[in-house]
């Protein structure tokens, strides 16, 4: 599906923004925070509206991707606001969970053993991402 590269690109860009914002270590003002929150909500609404043109599972996948982008952006915003390590780690956890949710939804296009294998692969990727995150926490 064409939405897959879009989500991956969005996640990469979001990750880079989160990383770069951490180096600034300046806390956001209330106005900046509210403006960023409004932008996230507007982007989610636009992404969700774009999904309406799709049908069946393609629409479901699109909606999951839109929700995933919103949740990741909100986690990144929380980190930009506080600069705290726990919020930085929350970004990694939210990304893992949302990538799993999107992958699991994509599996719905399949059936039988192929669907089972797809779901197991998606779950394994989520668990690996969370394990990597925990290992990174221990080294920091």
N, C-alpha and C. Protein backbone atom coordinates (compact mmCIF):
# COMPACT_ATOMS: atom_id res chain seq x y z
N UNK A 1 0.83 -1.18 0.00
CA UNK A 1 0.00 0.00 0.00
C UNK A 1 0.87 1.24 0.00
N UNK A 2 0.36 2.30 -0.58
CA UNK A 2 1.14 3.52 -0.68
C UNK A 2 1.26 4.24 0.66
N UNK A 3 0.40 3.94 1.62
CA UNK A 3 0.45 4.61 2.92
C UNK A 3 1.64 4.15 3.75
N UNK A 4 2.16 2.97 3.48
CA UNK A 4 3.25 2.43 4.28
C UNK A 4 4.49 3.31 4.23
N UNK A 5 5.01 3.69 3.04
CA UNK A 5 6.18 4.55 3.02
C UNK A 5 5.89 5.90 3.69
N UNK A 6 4.67 6.39 3.54
CA UNK A 6 4.30 7.65 4.16
C UNK A 6 4.42 7.58 5.67
N UNK A 7 3.92 6.50 6.27
CA UNK A 7 4.00 6.34 7.73
C UNK A 7 5.45 6.21 8.16
N UNK A 8 6.22 5.40 7.44
CA UNK A 8 7.63 5.22 7.79
C UNK A 8 8.38 6.55 7.73
N UNK A 9 8.12 7.32 6.67
CA UNK A 9 8.77 8.62 6.52
C UNK A 9 8.35 9.54 7.66
N UNK A 10 7.06 9.54 7.98
CA UNK A 10 6.57 10.37 9.08
C UNK A 10 7.23 9.99 10.40
N UNK A 11 7.38 8.68 10.64
CA UNK A 11 7.99 8.23 11.88
C UNK A 11 9.46 8.63 11.95
N UNK A 12 10.14 8.55 10.81
CA UNK A 12 11.55 8.94 10.77
C UNK A 12 11.69 10.43 11.04
N UNK A 13 10.87 11.23 10.35
CA UNK A 13 10.92 12.67 10.54
C UNK A 13 10.56 13.02 11.98
N UNK A 14 9.53 12.38 12.51
CA UNK A 14 9.11 12.65 13.88
C UNK A 14 10.23 12.29 14.85
N UNK A 15 10.90 11.18 14.61
CA UNK A 15 12.00 10.78 15.48
C UNK A 15 13.14 11.78 15.45
N UNK A 16 13.45 12.25 14.25
CA UNK A 16 14.52 13.24 14.14
C UNK A 16 14.15 14.53 14.84
N UNK A 17 12.91 14.94 14.70
CA UNK A 17 12.47 16.14 15.38
C UNK A 17 12.54 15.98 16.89
N UNK A 18 12.14 14.81 17.36
CA UNK A 18 12.17 14.57 18.80
C UNK A 18 13.60 14.59 19.31
N UNK A 19 14.50 13.95 18.56
CA UNK A 19 15.90 13.94 18.98
C UNK A 19 16.49 15.34 18.98
N UNK A 20 16.23 16.08 17.90
CA UNK A 20 16.81 17.41 17.81
C UNK A 20 16.23 18.33 18.87
N UNK A 21 14.96 18.15 19.20
CA UNK A 21 14.35 19.02 20.20
C UNK A 21 14.94 18.75 21.58
N UNK A 22 15.40 17.55 21.81
CA UNK A 22 15.97 17.21 23.10
C UNK A 22 17.28 17.92 23.35
N UNK A 23 17.98 18.21 22.29
CA UNK A 23 19.25 18.88 22.45
C UNK A 23 19.07 20.36 22.80
N UNK A 24 17.94 20.90 22.40
CA UNK A 24 17.68 22.30 22.71
C UNK A 24 17.45 22.48 24.21
N UNK A 25 16.78 21.54 24.82
CA UNK A 25 16.52 21.52 26.26
C UNK A 25 15.78 22.74 26.77
N UNK A 26 15.25 23.54 25.86
CA UNK A 26 14.43 24.67 26.27
C UNK A 26 13.00 24.19 26.42
N UNK A 27 12.42 24.56 27.54
CA UNK A 27 11.04 24.17 27.74
C UNK A 27 10.14 25.10 26.94
N UNK A 28 9.02 24.53 26.52
CA UNK A 28 8.07 25.29 25.71
C UNK A 28 7.21 26.17 26.61
N UNK A 29 6.83 27.30 26.07
CA UNK A 29 5.87 28.13 26.79
C UNK A 29 4.48 27.50 26.63
N UNK A 30 3.56 27.92 27.43
CA UNK A 30 2.19 27.42 27.35
C UNK A 30 1.60 27.70 25.95
N UNK A 31 1.88 28.86 25.40
CA UNK A 31 1.36 29.23 24.08
C UNK A 31 1.95 28.34 22.99
N UNK A 32 3.26 28.10 23.07
CA UNK A 32 3.90 27.22 22.09
C UNK A 32 3.34 25.81 22.17
N UNK A 33 3.16 25.34 23.38
CA UNK A 33 2.60 24.01 23.59
C UNK A 33 1.20 23.90 23.01
N UNK A 34 0.35 24.87 23.32
CA UNK A 34 -1.02 24.84 22.82
C UNK A 34 -1.06 24.94 21.30
N UNK A 35 -0.19 25.75 20.71
CA UNK A 35 -0.14 25.88 19.25
C UNK A 35 0.30 24.55 18.61
N UNK A 36 1.29 23.91 19.21
CA UNK A 36 1.76 22.63 18.69
C UNK A 36 0.67 21.56 18.82
N UNK A 37 -0.01 21.58 19.95
CA UNK A 37 -1.11 20.63 20.17
C UNK A 37 -2.21 20.84 19.12
N UNK A 38 -2.54 22.08 18.83
CA UNK A 38 -3.55 22.38 17.81
C UNK A 38 -3.10 21.90 16.43
N UNK A 39 -1.80 22.06 16.13
CA UNK A 39 -1.28 21.58 14.83
C UNK A 39 -1.41 20.05 14.74
N UNK A 40 -1.12 19.37 15.83
CA UNK A 40 -1.23 17.91 15.84
C UNK A 40 -2.67 17.50 15.59
N UNK A 41 -3.60 18.16 16.27
CA UNK A 41 -5.01 17.84 16.09
C UNK A 41 -5.48 18.13 14.66
N UNK A 42 -5.04 19.24 14.10
CA UNK A 42 -5.42 19.59 12.73
C UNK A 42 -4.84 18.58 11.73
N UNK A 43 -3.61 18.17 11.96
CA UNK A 43 -2.99 17.18 11.07
C UNK A 43 -3.73 15.85 11.16
N UNK A 44 -4.10 15.45 12.37
CA UNK A 44 -4.84 14.20 12.55
C UNK A 44 -6.18 14.26 11.84
N UNK A 45 -6.86 15.40 11.94
CA UNK A 45 -8.15 15.55 11.28
C UNK A 45 -7.98 15.45 9.76
N UNK A 46 -6.96 16.10 9.23
CA UNK A 46 -6.71 16.04 7.78
C UNK A 46 -6.35 14.62 7.35
N UNK A 47 -5.52 13.94 8.13
CA UNK A 47 -5.14 12.56 7.80
C UNK A 47 -6.37 11.65 7.83
N UNK A 48 -7.22 11.85 8.83
CA UNK A 48 -8.42 11.02 8.96
C UNK A 48 -9.39 11.27 7.80
N UNK A 49 -9.52 12.52 7.41
CA UNK A 49 -10.40 12.84 6.28
C UNK A 49 -9.89 12.22 4.99
N UNK A 50 -8.58 12.14 4.83
CA UNK A 50 -8.00 11.52 3.64
C UNK A 50 -8.34 10.04 3.57
N UNK A 51 -8.56 9.43 4.72
CA UNK A 51 -8.89 8.00 4.77
C UNK A 51 -10.30 7.71 4.29
N UNK A 52 -11.15 8.71 4.34
CA UNK A 52 -12.55 8.50 3.97
C UNK A 52 -12.72 8.07 2.52
N UNK A 53 -11.78 8.40 1.67
CA UNK A 53 -11.86 8.03 0.26
C UNK A 53 -11.57 6.55 0.03
N UNK A 54 -10.95 5.91 1.01
CA UNK A 54 -10.58 4.50 0.88
C UNK A 54 -11.72 3.60 1.32
N UNK A 55 -11.58 2.33 1.03
CA UNK A 55 -12.62 1.37 1.40
C UNK A 55 -11.99 0.18 2.12
N UNK A 56 -12.85 -0.54 2.82
CA UNK A 56 -12.51 -1.80 3.47
C UNK A 56 -11.28 -1.66 4.38
N UNK A 57 -10.39 -2.64 4.30
CA UNK A 57 -9.25 -2.65 5.22
C UNK A 57 -8.25 -1.54 4.90
N UNK A 58 -8.20 -1.10 3.66
CA UNK A 58 -7.31 0.01 3.33
C UNK A 58 -7.69 1.24 4.14
N UNK A 59 -8.99 1.44 4.32
CA UNK A 59 -9.45 2.57 5.13
C UNK A 59 -9.08 2.35 6.60
N UNK A 60 -9.26 1.13 7.07
CA UNK A 60 -8.92 0.81 8.46
C UNK A 60 -7.43 1.03 8.73
N UNK A 61 -6.59 0.59 7.79
CA UNK A 61 -5.14 0.78 7.93
C UNK A 61 -4.81 2.27 7.94
N UNK A 62 -5.42 3.00 7.03
CA UNK A 62 -5.19 4.44 6.94
C UNK A 62 -5.56 5.13 8.25
N UNK A 63 -6.70 4.74 8.82
CA UNK A 63 -7.14 5.34 10.08
C UNK A 63 -6.19 4.99 11.22
N UNK A 64 -5.70 3.74 11.24
CA UNK A 64 -4.72 3.36 12.27
C UNK A 64 -3.44 4.18 12.13
N UNK A 65 -3.01 4.37 10.87
CA UNK A 65 -1.80 5.17 10.64
C UNK A 65 -2.00 6.61 11.10
N UNK A 66 -3.16 7.18 10.81
CA UNK A 66 -3.45 8.55 11.23
C UNK A 66 -3.43 8.65 12.75
N UNK A 67 -4.04 7.69 13.42
CA UNK A 67 -4.06 7.69 14.88
C UNK A 67 -2.65 7.49 15.45
N UNK A 68 -1.88 6.62 14.79
CA UNK A 68 -0.50 6.37 15.24
C UNK A 68 0.33 7.65 15.13
N UNK A 69 0.22 8.35 14.02
CA UNK A 69 0.96 9.60 13.85
C UNK A 69 0.59 10.60 14.94
N UNK A 70 -0.71 10.66 15.27
CA UNK A 70 -1.16 11.60 16.30
C UNK A 70 -0.57 11.23 17.66
N UNK A 71 -0.65 9.96 18.02
CA UNK A 71 -0.14 9.54 19.33
C UNK A 71 1.36 9.76 19.44
N UNK A 72 2.09 9.47 18.39
CA UNK A 72 3.54 9.68 18.39
C UNK A 72 3.85 11.17 18.50
N UNK A 73 3.12 11.97 17.75
CA UNK A 73 3.35 13.42 17.81
C UNK A 73 3.05 13.97 19.20
N UNK A 74 2.03 13.45 19.84
CA UNK A 74 1.70 13.90 21.20
C UNK A 74 2.81 13.50 22.20
N UNK A 75 3.34 12.30 22.03
CA UNK A 75 4.43 11.86 22.90
C UNK A 75 5.67 12.73 22.68
N UNK A 76 5.95 13.06 21.43
CA UNK A 76 7.09 13.92 21.12
C UNK A 76 6.88 15.32 21.68
N UNK A 77 5.65 15.79 21.61
CA UNK A 77 5.34 17.10 22.16
C UNK A 77 5.56 17.13 23.68
N UNK A 78 5.17 16.06 24.33
CA UNK A 78 5.38 15.97 25.79
C UNK A 78 6.88 16.05 26.10
N UNK A 79 7.68 15.37 25.29
CA UNK A 79 9.13 15.42 25.50
C UNK A 79 9.69 16.81 25.21
N UNK A 80 9.21 17.42 24.14
CA UNK A 80 9.67 18.77 23.81
C UNK A 80 9.33 19.74 24.93
N UNK A 81 8.22 19.51 25.57
CA UNK A 81 7.79 20.41 26.64
C UNK A 81 8.63 20.24 27.91
N UNK A 82 8.95 18.97 28.24
CA UNK A 82 9.64 18.73 29.51
C UNK A 82 11.13 18.47 29.36
N UNK A 83 11.52 17.81 28.28
CA UNK A 83 12.91 17.43 28.09
C UNK A 83 13.36 16.30 29.00
N UNK A 84 12.42 15.66 29.69
CA UNK A 84 12.77 14.61 30.64
C UNK A 84 12.97 13.26 29.96
N UNK A 85 13.90 12.46 30.51
CA UNK A 85 14.19 11.15 29.95
C UNK A 85 12.98 10.24 29.91
N UNK A 86 12.13 10.29 30.91
CA UNK A 86 10.96 9.41 30.92
C UNK A 86 10.05 9.71 29.73
N UNK A 87 9.95 10.99 29.34
CA UNK A 87 9.14 11.35 28.17
C UNK A 87 9.83 10.93 26.88
N UNK A 88 11.15 10.98 26.87
CA UNK A 88 11.89 10.50 25.69
C UNK A 88 11.67 9.01 25.50
N UNK A 89 11.70 8.27 26.59
CA UNK A 89 11.48 6.83 26.51
C UNK A 89 10.02 6.51 26.15
N UNK A 90 9.13 7.37 26.56
CA UNK A 90 7.71 7.20 26.22
C UNK A 90 7.52 7.27 24.71
N UNK A 91 8.30 8.10 24.04
CA UNK A 91 8.22 8.19 22.58
C UNK A 91 8.52 6.82 21.97
N UNK A 92 9.58 6.19 22.42
CA UNK A 92 9.97 4.88 21.89
C UNK A 92 8.87 3.85 22.15
N UNK A 93 8.30 3.89 23.33
CA UNK A 93 7.24 2.93 23.66
C UNK A 93 5.99 3.16 22.82
N UNK A 94 5.60 4.41 22.67
CA UNK A 94 4.42 4.73 21.85
C UNK A 94 4.66 4.32 20.40
N UNK A 95 5.85 4.58 19.89
CA UNK A 95 6.16 4.18 18.51
C UNK A 95 6.04 2.68 18.34
N UNK A 96 6.59 1.91 19.28
CA UNK A 96 6.52 0.45 19.19
C UNK A 96 5.07 -0.02 19.20
N UNK A 97 4.28 0.53 20.11
CA UNK A 97 2.88 0.13 20.21
C UNK A 97 2.09 0.51 18.96
N UNK A 98 2.35 1.68 18.43
CA UNK A 98 1.60 2.13 17.26
C UNK A 98 2.02 1.41 15.98
N UNK A 99 3.31 1.12 15.86
CA UNK A 99 3.76 0.33 14.71
C UNK A 99 3.12 -1.05 14.75
N UNK A 100 2.99 -1.61 15.95
CA UNK A 100 2.32 -2.91 16.10
C UNK A 100 0.85 -2.80 15.72
N UNK A 101 0.17 -1.77 16.18
CA UNK A 101 -1.25 -1.61 15.87
C UNK A 101 -1.49 -1.50 14.35
N UNK A 102 -0.63 -0.75 13.67
CA UNK A 102 -0.76 -0.59 12.22
C UNK A 102 -0.44 -1.92 11.52
N UNK A 103 0.63 -2.57 11.93
CA UNK A 103 1.02 -3.85 11.31
C UNK A 103 -0.08 -4.89 11.51
N UNK A 104 -0.64 -4.93 12.70
CA UNK A 104 -1.71 -5.89 12.99
C UNK A 104 -2.92 -5.63 12.10
N UNK A 105 -3.23 -4.37 11.89
CA UNK A 105 -4.36 -4.01 11.01
C UNK A 105 -4.07 -4.44 9.58
N UNK A 106 -2.82 -4.29 9.14
CA UNK A 106 -2.46 -4.74 7.78
C UNK A 106 -2.64 -6.26 7.64
N UNK A 107 -2.43 -6.97 8.73
CA UNK A 107 -2.58 -8.43 8.69
C UNK A 107 -4.02 -8.85 8.40
N UNK A 108 -4.96 -7.96 8.65
CA UNK A 108 -6.36 -8.30 8.42
C UNK A 108 -6.68 -8.53 6.95
N UNK A 109 -5.80 -8.10 6.05
CA UNK A 109 -5.99 -8.37 4.62
C UNK A 109 -5.68 -9.83 4.30
N UNK A 110 -5.06 -10.51 5.21
CA UNK A 110 -4.64 -11.90 4.99
C UNK A 110 -5.61 -12.85 5.69
N UNK A 111 -5.37 -14.13 5.44
CA UNK A 111 -6.22 -15.13 6.12
C UNK A 111 -5.40 -16.37 6.43
N UNK A 112 -5.93 -17.17 7.34
CA UNK A 112 -5.32 -18.45 7.67
C UNK A 112 -3.93 -18.32 8.27
N UNK A 113 -3.06 -19.23 7.83
CA UNK A 113 -1.69 -19.27 8.36
C UNK A 113 -0.91 -18.00 8.05
N UNK A 114 -1.18 -17.43 6.89
CA UNK A 114 -0.47 -16.21 6.52
C UNK A 114 -0.81 -15.07 7.49
N UNK A 115 -2.07 -14.96 7.86
CA UNK A 115 -2.49 -13.94 8.82
C UNK A 115 -1.87 -14.20 10.19
N UNK A 116 -1.89 -15.46 10.62
CA UNK A 116 -1.29 -15.81 11.92
C UNK A 116 0.19 -15.45 11.95
N UNK A 117 0.90 -15.79 10.87
CA UNK A 117 2.33 -15.49 10.79
C UNK A 117 2.56 -13.98 10.79
N UNK A 118 1.73 -13.26 10.09
CA UNK A 118 1.84 -11.80 10.03
C UNK A 118 1.66 -11.19 11.42
N UNK A 119 0.65 -11.65 12.14
CA UNK A 119 0.40 -11.13 13.48
C UNK A 119 1.53 -11.47 14.45
N UNK A 120 2.06 -12.69 14.34
CA UNK A 120 3.18 -13.07 15.20
C UNK A 120 4.42 -12.22 14.90
N UNK A 121 4.65 -11.96 13.62
CA UNK A 121 5.80 -11.14 13.23
C UNK A 121 5.63 -9.72 13.76
N UNK A 122 4.42 -9.19 13.67
CA UNK A 122 4.16 -7.84 14.17
C UNK A 122 4.38 -7.78 15.68
N UNK A 123 3.90 -8.78 16.39
CA UNK A 123 4.06 -8.81 17.85
C UNK A 123 5.54 -8.95 18.23
N UNK A 124 6.26 -9.78 17.49
CA UNK A 124 7.69 -9.96 17.76
C UNK A 124 8.45 -8.65 17.54
N UNK A 125 8.08 -7.90 16.51
CA UNK A 125 8.73 -6.62 16.25
C UNK A 125 8.45 -5.63 17.38
N UNK A 126 7.21 -5.64 17.89
CA UNK A 126 6.88 -4.75 19.01
C UNK A 126 7.68 -5.13 20.25
N UNK A 127 7.73 -6.41 20.54
CA UNK A 127 8.46 -6.87 21.73
C UNK A 127 9.95 -6.55 21.62
N UNK A 128 10.52 -6.70 20.42
CA UNK A 128 11.92 -6.38 20.22
C UNK A 128 12.17 -4.89 20.43
N UNK A 129 11.28 -4.07 19.89
CA UNK A 129 11.44 -2.62 20.05
C UNK A 129 11.37 -2.23 21.53
N UNK A 130 10.45 -2.83 22.26
CA UNK A 130 10.33 -2.53 23.69
C UNK A 130 11.55 -3.04 24.46
N UNK A 131 12.05 -4.22 24.10
CA UNK A 131 13.25 -4.75 24.76
C UNK A 131 14.45 -3.85 24.48
N UNK A 132 14.58 -3.40 23.24
CA UNK A 132 15.67 -2.49 22.89
C UNK A 132 15.58 -1.19 23.69
N UNK A 133 14.35 -0.71 23.86
CA UNK A 133 14.13 0.51 24.62
C UNK A 133 14.57 0.31 26.07
N UNK A 134 14.20 -0.82 26.66
CA UNK A 134 14.57 -1.10 28.05
C UNK A 134 16.08 -1.24 28.20
N UNK A 135 16.70 -1.87 27.21
CA UNK A 135 18.16 -2.02 27.25
C UNK A 135 18.83 -0.66 27.16
N UNK A 136 18.28 0.21 26.34
CA UNK A 136 18.83 1.55 26.20
C UNK A 136 18.68 2.32 27.52
N UNK A 137 17.56 2.12 28.20
CA UNK A 137 17.34 2.79 29.49
C UNK A 137 18.41 2.39 30.50
N UNK A 138 18.79 1.10 30.48
CA UNK A 138 19.78 0.61 31.43
C UNK A 138 21.16 1.17 31.16
N UNK A 139 21.47 1.43 29.89
CA UNK A 139 22.80 1.94 29.54
C UNK A 139 22.90 3.44 29.75
N UNK A 140 21.77 4.11 29.85
CA UNK A 140 21.81 5.58 30.04
C UNK A 140 21.89 5.96 31.47
